[in-house]
PDB file of N, CA and C in Angstrom:
ATOM      1  N   MET A   1      85.317  29.351   9.600  1.00  0.00           N
ATOM      2  CA  MET A   1      85.847  27.961   9.152  1.00  0.00           C
ATOM      3  C   MET A   1      86.799  28.030   7.800  1.00  0.00           C
ATOM      4  N   ARG A   2      88.063  27.706   8.183  1.00  0.00           N
ATOM      5  CA  ARG A   2      89.112  27.704   6.862  1.00  0.00           C
ATOM      6  C   ARG A   2      88.937  26.457   6.420  1.00  0.00           C
ATOM      7  N   LEU A   3      88.307  26.241   5.004  1.00  0.00           N
ATOM      8  CA  LEU A   3      89.115  24.677   4.050  1.00  0.00           C
ATOM      9  C   LEU A   3      90.525  24.524   3.997  1.00  0.00           C
ATOM     10  N   THR A   4      90.999  23.790   4.542  1.00  0.00           N
ATOM     11  CA  THR A   4      92.383  23.395   4.401  1.00  0.00           C
ATOM     12  C   THR A   4      92.687  22.345   3.518  1.00  0.00           C
ATOM     13  N   LEU A   5      93.757  21.952   3.511  1.00  0.00           N
ATOM     14  CA  LEU A   5      94.200  21.027   2.843  1.00  0.00           C
ATOM     15  C   LEU A   5      93.868  19.261   3.379  1.00  0.00           C
ATOM     16  N   SER A   6      94.114  19.773   4.401  1.00  0.00           N
ATOM     17  CA  SER A   6      93.652  18.167   5.587  1.00  0.00           C
ATOM     18  C   SER A   6      92.197  17.931   5.811  1.00  0.00           C
ATOM     19  N   LYS A   7      91.357  19.170   5.627  1.00  0.00           N
ATOM     20  CA  LYS A   7      89.972  18.784   5.507  1.00  0.00           C
ATOM     21  C   LYS A   7      89.880  18.004   4.305  1.00  0.00           C
ATOM     22  N   ILE A   8      89.695  18.551   3.206  1.00  0.00           N
ATOM     23  CA  ILE A   8      89.759  18.448   1.862  1.00  0.00           C
ATOM     24  C   ILE A   8      90.319  16.465   1.728  1.00  0.00           C
ATOM     25  N   ALA A   9      91.563  16.400   2.535  1.00  0.00           N
ATOM     26  CA  ALA A   9      92.498  14.791   2.284  1.00  0.00           C
ATOM     27  C   ALA A   9      91.304  14.430   3.105  1.00  0.00           C
ATOM     28  N   ALA A  10      91.282  14.540   4.275  1.00  0.00           N
ATOM     29  CA  ALA A  10      90.008  13.766   5.050  1.00  0.00           C
ATOM     30  C   ALA A  10      88.782  13.309   4.708  1.00  0.00           C
ATOM     31  N   LEU A  11      88.143  14.040   4.024  1.00  0.00           N
ATOM     32  CA  LEU A  11      86.566  14.004   3.303  1.00  0.00           C
ATOM     33  C   LEU A  11      87.160  12.982   2.110  1.00  0.00           C
ATOM     34  N   ILE A  12      88.406  13.091   1.156  1.00  0.00           N
ATOM     35  CA  ILE A  12      88.585  12.271  -0.270  1.00  0.00           C
ATOM     36  C   ILE A  12      88.875  10.894   1.057  1.00  0.00           C
ATOM     37  N   VAL A  13      89.354  10.854   1.390  1.00  0.00           N
ATOM     38  CA  VAL A  13      89.687   9.688   2.739  1.00  0.00           C
ATOM     39  C   VAL A  13      88.568   8.842   2.816  1.00  0.00           C
ATOM     40  N   ALA A  14      87.372   9.198   3.398  1.00  0.00           N
ATOM     41  CA  ALA A  14      86.058   8.329   4.006  1.00  0.00           C
ATOM     42  C   ALA A  14      85.120   8.545   2.684  1.00  0.00           C
ATOM     43  N   ALA A  15      85.133   9.409   1.464  1.00  0.00           N
ATOM     44  CA  ALA A  15      84.482   8.493   0.285  1.00  0.00           C
ATOM     45  C   ALA A  15      84.727   7.816   0.056  1.00  0.00           C
ATOM     46  N   SER A  16      86.157   7.821  -0.169  1.00  0.00           N
ATOM     47  CA  SER A  16      87.044   6.134  -0.811  1.00  0.00           C
ATOM     48  C   SER A  16      86.466   5.046  -0.142  1.00  0.00           C
ATOM     49  N   TYR A  17      86.150   5.285   1.585  1.00  0.00           N
ATOM     50  CA  TYR A  17      85.988   3.690   2.021  1.00  0.00           C
ATOM     51  C   TYR A  17      84.842   3.920   1.575  1.00  0.00           C
ATOM     52  N   VAL A  18      83.934   4.814   1.293  1.00  0.00           N
ATOM     53  CA  VAL A  18      82.669   4.248   1.005  1.00  0.00           C
ATOM     54  C   VAL A  18      82.083   3.403  -0.427  1.00  0.00           C
ATOM     55  N   VAL A  19      83.030   3.965  -1.031  1.00  0.00           N
ATOM     56  CA  VAL A  19      83.129   3.556  -2.524  1.00  0.00           C
ATOM     57  C   VAL A  19      83.443   2.255  -2.464  1.00  0.00           C
ATOM     58  N   VAL A  20      84.497   1.731  -1.590  1.00  0.00           N
ATOM     59  CA  VAL A  20      85.147   0.322  -1.290  1.00  0.00           C
ATOM     60  C   VAL A  20      84.370  -0.518  -0.450  1.00  0.00           C
ATOM     61  N   CYS A  21      83.147   0.416   0.331  1.00  0.00           N
ATOM     62  CA  CYS A  21      82.332  -0.926   0.477  1.00  0.00           C
ATOM     63  C   CYS A  21      81.328  -0.850  -0.233  1.00  0.00           C
ATOM     64  N   VAL A  22      81.140  -0.079  -0.158  1.00  0.00           N
ATOM     65  CA  VAL A  22      80.087  -0.372  -1.536  1.00  0.00           C
ATOM     66  C   VAL A  22      80.121  -1.434  -2.942  1.00  0.00           C
ATOM     67  N   ARG A  23      80.977  -1.148  -3.595  1.00  0.00           N
ATOM     68  CA  ARG A  23      81.259  -1.670  -4.532  1.00  0.00           C
ATOM     69  C   ARG A  23      81.957  -3.229  -4.368  1.00  0.00           C
ATOM     70  N   ASP A  24      82.704  -3.355  -2.843  1.00  0.00           N
ATOM     71  CA  ASP A  24      82.933  -4.512  -3.070  1.00  0.00           C
ATOM     72  C   ASP A  24      82.827  -4.819  -1.629  1.00  0.00           C
ATOM     73  N   PRO A  25      81.600  -5.137  -1.314  1.00  0.00           N
ATOM     74  CA  PRO A  25      81.020  -5.839   0.250  1.00  0.00           C
ATOM     75  C   PRO A  25      81.381  -7.098   1.372  1.00  0.00           C
ATOM     76  N   GLY A  26      82.237  -7.596   0.471  1.00  0.00           N
ATOM     77  CA  GLY A  26      83.232  -8.999   1.142  1.00  0.00           C
ATOM     78  C   GLY A  26      82.241  -9.574   2.006  1.00  0.00           C
ATOM     79  N   GLU A  27      83.048 -10.067   3.064  1.00  0.00           N
ATOM     80  CA  GLU A  27      82.160 -11.377   4.099  1.00  0.00           C
ATOM     81  C   GLU A  27      80.905 -10.259   4.808  1.00  0.00           C
ATOM     82  N   SER A  28      81.427  -8.956   5.252  1.00  0.00           N
ATOM     83  CA  SER A  28      80.360  -8.543   5.790  1.00  0.00           C
ATOM     84  C   SER A  28      79.091  -8.541   5.289  1.00  0.00           C
ATOM     85  N   GLY A  29      78.651  -8.576   3.470  1.00  0.00           N
ATOM     86  CA  GLY A  29      77.672  -8.391   2.941  1.00  0.00           C
ATOM     87  C   GLY A  29      77.103  -7.306   3.192  1.00  0.00           C
ATOM     88  N   MET A  30      78.211  -5.844   2.949  1.00  0.00           N
ATOM     89  CA  MET A  30      77.391  -5.070   3.495  1.00  0.00           C
ATOM     90  C   MET A  30      76.773  -3.799   2.820  1.00  0.00           C
ATOM     91  N   ARG A  31      76.141  -3.219   2.465  1.00  0.00           N
ATOM     92  CA  ARG A  31      75.101  -2.559   1.508  1.00  0.00           C
ATOM     93  C   ARG A  31      75.087  -1.298   1.640  1.00  0.00           C
ATOM     94  N   LEU A  32      74.599  -0.592   0.331  1.00  0.00           N
ATOM     95  CA  LEU A  32      74.204   1.173   0.595  1.00  0.00           C
ATOM     96  C   LEU A  32      73.718   1.242   1.674  1.00  0.00           C
ATOM     97  N   GLY A  33      72.366   0.606   2.253  1.00  0.00           N
ATOM     98  CA  GLY A  33      71.680   0.636   3.221  1.00  0.00           C
ATOM     99  C   GLY A  33      71.502   0.726   4.239  1.00  0.00           C
ATOM    100  N   ASP A  34      73.121   0.107   4.501  1.00  0.00           N
ATOM    101  CA  ASP A  34      73.587  -0.436   6.010  1.00  0.00           C
ATOM    102  C   ASP A  34      74.077   1.196   6.273  1.00  0.00           C
ATOM    103  N   LEU A  35      73.531   2.217   6.524  1.00  0.00           N
ATOM    104  CA  LEU A  35      74.329   3.219   6.869  1.00  0.00           C
ATOM    105  C   LEU A  35      75.211   3.271   8.498  1.00  0.00           C
ATOM    106  N   ARG A  36      74.908   2.119   9.345  1.00  0.00           N
ATOM    107  CA  ARG A  36      75.541   2.396  10.421  1.00  0.00           C
ATOM    108  C   ARG A  36      77.041   2.135  10.386  1.00  0.00           C
ATOM    109  N   TYR A  37      77.274   1.739   9.371  1.00  0.00           N
ATOM    110  CA  TYR A  37      78.945   1.618   9.243  1.00  0.00           C
ATOM    111  C   TYR A  37      79.317   2.947   8.660  1.00  0.00           C
ATOM    112  N   PHE A  38      78.177   3.340   7.792  1.00  0.00           N
ATOM    113  CA  PHE A  38      79.002   4.733   7.370  1.00  0.00           C
ATOM    114  C   PHE A  38      79.066   5.639   8.533  1.00  0.00           C
ATOM    115  N   LEU A  39      78.048   5.699   9.272  1.00  0.00           N
ATOM    116  CA  LEU A  39      78.004   7.208  10.433  1.00  0.00           C
ATOM    117  C   LEU A  39      79.376   7.316  11.502  1.00  0.00           C
ATOM    118  N   VAL A  40      80.288   5.837  11.184  1.00  0.00           N
ATOM    119  CA  VAL A  40      81.468   5.792  11.635  1.00  0.00           C
ATOM    120  C   VAL A  40      82.393   6.708  11.609  1.00  0.00           C
ATOM    121  N   LEU A  41      82.176   7.125  10.453  1.00  0.00           N
ATOM    122  CA  LEU A  41      82.931   7.753   9.901  1.00  0.00           C
ATOM    123  C   LEU A  41      82.549   9.397  10.159  1.00  0.00           C
ATOM    124  N   LEU A  42      81.705   9.697  10.867  1.00  0.00           N
ATOM    125  CA  LEU A  42      81.313  10.966  11.096  1.00  0.00           C
ATOM    126  C   LEU A  42      82.445  11.640  12.491  1.00  0.00           C
ATOM    127  N   PHE A  43      82.792  10.686  13.079  1.00  0.00           N
ATOM    128  CA  PHE A  43      83.637  11.262  14.817  1.00  0.00           C
ATOM    129  C   PHE A  43      85.053  11.536  14.412  1.00  0.00           C
ATOM    130  N   PRO A  44      85.807  10.787  13.347  1.00  0.00           N
ATOM    131  CA  PRO A  44      87.074  11.040  12.798  1.00  0.00           C
ATOM    132  C   PRO A  44      87.035  12.471  11.934  1.00  0.00           C
ATOM    133  N   LEU A  45      86.069  12.493  11.498  1.00  0.00           N
ATOM    134  CA  LEU A  45      85.729  13.489  10.524  1.00  0.00           C
ATOM    135  C   LEU A  45      85.324  14.968  11.319  1.00  0.00           C
ATOM    136  N   ALA A  46      84.792  14.687  12.776  1.00  0.00           N
ATOM    137  CA  ALA A  46      84.430  16.135  13.489  1.00  0.00           C
ATOM    138  C   ALA A  46      85.461  16.106  14.035  1.00  0.00           C
ATOM    139  N   LEU A  47      86.399  15.196  14.182  1.00  0.00           N
ATOM    140  CA  LEU A  47      87.931  15.721  14.874  1.00  0.00           C
ATOM    141  C   LEU A  47      89.076  16.303  13.942  1.00  0.00           C
ATOM    142  N   ILE A  48      88.858  15.958  12.924  1.00  0.00           N
ATOM    143  CA  ILE A  48      89.711  16.488  11.909  1.00  0.00           C
ATOM    144  C   ILE A  48      88.846  17.730  11.597  1.00  0.00           C
ATOM    145  N   TRP A  49      87.286  18.160  11.111  1.00  0.00           N
ATOM    146  CA  TRP A  49      87.305  19.453  10.355  1.00  0.00           C
ATOM    147  C   TRP A  49      86.827  20.532  11.773  1.00  0.00           C
ATOM    148  N   PHE A  50      86.624  20.145  13.198  1.00  0.00           N
ATOM    149  CA  PHE A  50      86.407  21.136  13.929  1.00  0.00           C
ATOM    150  C   PHE A  50      87.010  20.727  15.083  1.00  0.00           C
ATOM    151  N   PRO A  51      88.434  20.693  15.051  1.00  0.00           N
ATOM    152  CA  PRO A  51      89.509  20.965  15.938  1.00  0.00           C
ATOM    153  C   PRO A  51      89.216  21.114  17.480  1.00  0.00           C
ATOM    154  N   GLU A  52      89.101  22.962  16.602  1.00  0.00           N
ATOM    155  CA  GLU A  52      89.032  24.504  17.721  1.00  0.00           C
ATOM    156  C   GLU A  52      87.903  23.846  18.726  1.00  0.00           C
ATOM    157  N   VAL A  53      86.355  24.034  17.829  1.00  0.00           N
ATOM    158  CA  VAL A  53      85.269  23.896  18.689  1.00  0.00           C
ATOM    159  C   VAL A  53      85.613  22.451  19.953  1.00  0.00           C
ATOM    160  N   ILE A  54      86.187  21.143  19.398  1.00  0.00           N
ATOM    161  CA  ILE A  54      85.564  19.779  19.970  1.00  0.00           C
ATOM    162  C   ILE A  54      87.139  20.197  21.325  1.00  0.00           C
ATOM    163  N   GLY A  55      88.044  21.262  21.004  1.00  0.00           N
ATOM    164  CA  GLY A  55      89.400  21.003  21.522  1.00  0.00           C
ATOM    165  C   GLY A  55      89.071  22.119  22.830  1.00  0.00           C
ATOM    166  N   SER A  56      88.236  23.206  22.607  1.00  0.00           N
ATOM    167  CA  SER A  56      87.964  23.997  23.653  1.00  0.00           C
ATOM    168  C   SER A  56      87.358  23.408  24.310  1.00  0.00           C
ATOM    169  N   ALA A  57      86.611  22.467  24.338  1.00  0.00           N
ATOM    170  CA  ALA A  57      85.222  22.025  25.636  1.00  0.00           C
ATOM    171  C   ALA A  57      85.844  21.584  26.617  1.00  0.00           C
ATOM    172  N   THR A  58      85.604  21.921  27.937  1.00  0.00           N
ATOM    173  CA  THR A  58      85.732  21.887  29.446  1.00  0.00           C
ATOM    174  C   THR A  58      85.025  21.657  30.081  1.00  0.00           C
ATOM    175  N   GLY A  59      84.889  21.346  31.402  1.00  0.00           N
ATOM    176  CA  GLY A  59      83.887  21.235  32.261  1.00  0.00           C
ATOM    177  C   GLY A  59      84.096  19.366  32.770  1.00  0.00           C
ATOM    178  N   TYR A  60      82.467  19.174  33.517  1.00  0.00           N
ATOM    179  CA  TYR A  60      82.495  17.773  33.802  1.00  0.00           C
ATOM    180  C   TYR A  60      81.489  17.231  32.616  1.00  0.00           C
ATOM    181  N   ILE A  61      82.684  16.110  32.160  1.00  0.00           N
ATOM    182  CA  ILE A  61      82.247  15.536  31.388  1.00  0.00           C
ATOM    183  C   ILE A  61      82.592  13.960  31.866  1.00  0.00           C
ATOM    184  N   GLY A  62      81.100  12.931  32.383  1.00  0.00           N
ATOM    185  CA  GLY A  62      80.850  11.830  32.704  1.00  0.00           C
ATOM    186  C   GLY A  62      81.243  12.170  33.968  1.00  0.00           C
ATOM    187  N   HIS A  63      82.220  10.688  34.671  1.00  0.00           N
ATOM    188  CA  HIS A  63      82.444  11.288  36.075  1.00  0.00           C
ATOM    189  C   HIS A  63      84.021  11.797  36.420  1.00  0.00           C
ATOM    190  N   GLY A  64      84.513  12.759  35.786  1.00  0.00           N
ATOM    191  CA  GLY A  64      85.610  13.685  35.613  1.00  0.00           C
ATOM    192  C   GLY A  64      85.804  14.968  34.952  1.00  0.00           C
ATOM    193  N   ALA A  65      86.242  15.874  35.042  1.00  0.00           N
ATOM    194  CA  ALA A  65      86.381  17.341  34.547  1.00  0.00           C
ATOM    195  C   ALA A  65      87.435  17.191  33.874  1.00  0.00           C
ATOM    196  N   ILE A  66      87.257  18.457  32.730  1.00  0.00           N
ATOM    197  CA  ILE A  66      88.501  18.746  31.922  1.00  0.00           C
ATOM    198  C   ILE A  66      88.734  20.036  32.561  1.00  0.00           C
ATOM    199  N   ASP A  67      90.139  20.168  32.467  1.00  0.00           N
ATOM    200  CA  ASP A  67      90.743  21.757  33.286  1.00  0.00           C
ATOM    201  C   ASP A  67      91.599  22.305  32.204  1.00  0.00           C
ATOM    202  N   TRP A  68      91.782  21.957  30.865  1.00  0.00           N
ATOM    203  CA  TRP A  68      92.449  22.921  30.402  1.00  0.00           C
ATOM    204  C   TRP A  68      92.320  22.193  28.770  1.00  0.00           C
ATOM    205  N   GLU A  69      92.008  23.266  27.885  1.00  0.00           N
ATOM    206  CA  GLU A  69      91.432  23.172  26.565  1.00  0.00           C
ATOM    207  C   GLU A  69      92.719  22.307  25.753  1.00  0.00           C
ATOM    208  N   THR A  70      92.233  21.355  24.731  1.00  0.00           N
ATOM    209  CA  THR A  70      93.052  20.105  24.346  1.00  0.00           C
ATOM    210  C   THR A  70      93.704  21.481  22.877  1.00  0.00           C
ATOM    211  N   PRO A  71      94.904  20.906  22.722  1.00  0.00           N
ATOM    212  CA  PRO A  71      95.248  22.114  21.504  1.00  0.00           C
ATOM    213  C   PRO A  71      94.721  21.484  19.697  1.00  0.00           C
ATOM    214  N   PRO A  72      94.101  22.944  19.395  1.00  0.00           N
ATOM    215  CA  PRO A  72      93.810  21.502  18.039  1.00  0.00           C
ATOM    216  C   PRO A  72      94.382  20.549  16.765  1.00  0.00           C
ATOM    217  N   TRP A  73      95.812  20.933  17.602  1.00  0.00           N
ATOM    218  CA  TRP A  73      96.544  19.966  16.443  1.00  0.00           C
ATOM    219  C   TRP A  73      95.857  18.589  17.029  1.00  0.00           C
ATOM    220  N   LEU A  74      96.475  18.285  18.311  1.00  0.00           N
ATOM    221  CA  LEU A  74      96.392  17.317  19.197  1.00  0.00           C
ATOM    222  C   LEU A  74      94.982  16.768  18.949  1.00  0.00           C
ATOM    223  N   VAL A  75      93.535  17.290  18.654  1.00  0.00           N
ATOM    224  CA  VAL A  75      92.871  17.186  18.418  1.00  0.00           C
ATOM    225  C   VAL A  75      92.326  16.539  17.021  1.00  0.00           C
ATOM    226  N   SER A  76      93.133  16.969  16.040  1.00  0.00           N
ATOM    227  CA  SER A  76      92.883  16.874  14.809  1.00  0.00           C
ATOM    228  C   SER A  76      94.055  15.323  14.436  1.00  0.00           C
ATOM    229  N   ALA A  77      94.886  15.627  15.002  1.00  0.00           N
ATOM    230  CA  ALA A  77      95.762  14.269  15.434  1.00  0.00           C
ATOM    231  C   ALA A  77      94.994  13.110  15.247  1.00  0.00           C
ATOM    232  N   ALA A  78      94.287  13.076  16.583  1.00  0.00           N
ATOM    233  CA  ALA A  78      93.850  12.004  16.817  1.00  0.00           C
ATOM    234  C   ALA A  78      92.741  11.522  15.682  1.00  0.00           C
ATOM    235  N   GLY A  79      91.762  12.330  14.900  1.00  0.00           N
ATOM    236  CA  GLY A  79      90.647  11.788  13.949  1.00  0.00           C
ATOM    237  C   GLY A  79      91.811  11.530  12.922  1.00  0.00           C
ATOM    238  N   TRP A  80      92.943  11.840  12.487  1.00  0.00           N
ATOM    239  CA  TRP A  80      93.618  10.844  11.572  1.00  0.00           C
ATOM    240  C   TRP A  80      93.839   9.402  11.870  1.00  0.00           C
ATOM    241  N   PHE A  81      94.073   9.888  13.219  1.00  0.00           N
ATOM    242  CA  PHE A  81      94.397   8.432  13.827  1.00  0.00           C
ATOM    243  C   PHE A  81      93.448   7.214  13.376  1.00  0.00           C
ATOM    244  N   PHE A  82      92.319   7.678  13.728  1.00  0.00           N
ATOM    245  CA  PHE A  82      91.422   7.158  13.879  1.00  0.00           C
ATOM    246  C   PHE A  82      90.587   6.816  12.262  1.00  0.00           C
ATOM    247  N   LEU A  83      90.922   7.679  11.524  1.00  0.00           N
ATOM    248  CA  LEU A  83      90.228   7.970  10.196  1.00  0.00           C
ATOM    249  C   LEU A  83      91.724   7.084   9.390  1.00  0.00           C
ATOM    250  N   VAL A  84      92.785   6.856   9.567  1.00  0.00           N
ATOM    251  CA  VAL A  84      93.620   6.373   8.560  1.00  0.00           C
ATOM    252  C   VAL A  84      93.992   5.651   9.168  1.00  0.00           C
ATOM    253  N   GLY A  85      94.887   5.355  10.750  1.00  0.00           N
ATOM    254  CA  GLY A  85      95.429   4.679  11.187  1.00  0.00           C
ATOM    255  C   GLY A  85      95.152   3.695  12.271  1.00  0.00           C
ATOM    256  N   LEU A  86      93.884   3.717  12.723  1.00  0.00           N
ATOM    257  CA  LEU A  86      93.246   2.252  13.349  1.00  0.00           C
ATOM    258  C   LEU A  86      92.824   1.031  12.213  1.00  0.00           C
ATOM    259  N   PRO A  87      92.174   2.186  10.726  1.00  0.00           N
ATOM    260  CA  PRO A  87      91.719   0.725  10.194  1.00  0.00           C
ATOM    261  C   PRO A  87      93.030   0.387   9.053  1.00  0.00           C
ATOM    262  N   ALA A  88      94.659   0.739   9.152  1.00  0.00           N
ATOM    263  CA  ALA A  88      95.313   0.311   8.941  1.00  0.00           C
ATOM    264  C   ALA A  88      95.991  -0.683   9.480  1.00  0.00           C
ATOM    265  N   ILE A  89      96.401  -0.703  11.106  1.00  0.00           N
ATOM    266  CA  ILE A  89      96.623  -1.374  12.231  1.00  0.00           C
ATOM    267  C   ILE A  89      95.562  -2.834  12.527  1.00  0.00           C
ATOM    268  N   PHE A  90      94.076  -2.532  12.011  1.00  0.00           N
ATOM    269  CA  PHE A  90      93.371  -3.538  11.454  1.00  0.00           C
ATOM    270  C   PHE A  90      93.397  -4.407  10.474  1.00  0.00           C
ATOM    271  N   TRP A  91      93.694  -3.489   9.235  1.00  0.00           N
ATOM    272  CA  TRP A  91      94.069  -4.036   7.894  1.00  0.00           C
ATOM    273  C   TRP A  91      95.763  -5.109   8.190  1.00  0.00           C
ATOM    274  N   LEU A  92      96.635  -4.380   9.068  1.00  0.00           N
ATOM    275  CA  LEU A  92      98.143  -5.465   9.315  1.00  0.00           C
ATOM    276  C   LEU A  92      97.648  -6.675  10.490  1.00  0.00           C
ATOM    277  N   MET A  93      96.529  -6.298  10.873  1.00  0.00           N
ATOM    278  CA  MET A  93      96.859  -7.386  12.230  1.00  0.00           C
ATOM    279  C   MET A  93      95.888  -8.899  11.251  1.00  0.00           C
ATOM    280  N   SER A  94      95.276  -8.481  10.325  1.00  0.00           N
ATOM    281  CA  SER A  94      93.998  -9.505   9.426  1.00  0.00           C
ATOM    282  C   SER A  94      94.869 -10.360   8.667  1.00  0.00           C
TER     283      SER A  94
END
C-alpha cells in the first residue's frame, strides 16, 4: 500500500472533523466519549485508503450478485463524496 496525497488529505479532513466536534459540541452535546459519531468516519476512510481491495469484491452480497470489479478510482471517489460531499450538502441545507 502506497501512502498517497489523497490518503493523507483524507486523514487530515477526518481528524479536523473530530477536532471541530470535540471543541464545539453544538446542539448535539457531543463529547469525546461519544465514539459512535467518530466511527462513522471509518467508512469513507476505508473507501479512500483501500479502494483496490474493496473494488475487487465480487460474488453474492445480500440479495444480489456483483459480477464485475469496481474501478479503484470510483471507490475512492465514493469515499470522498461521503467524507466531504455529503457533509457539505447537509451544511448547505441547514
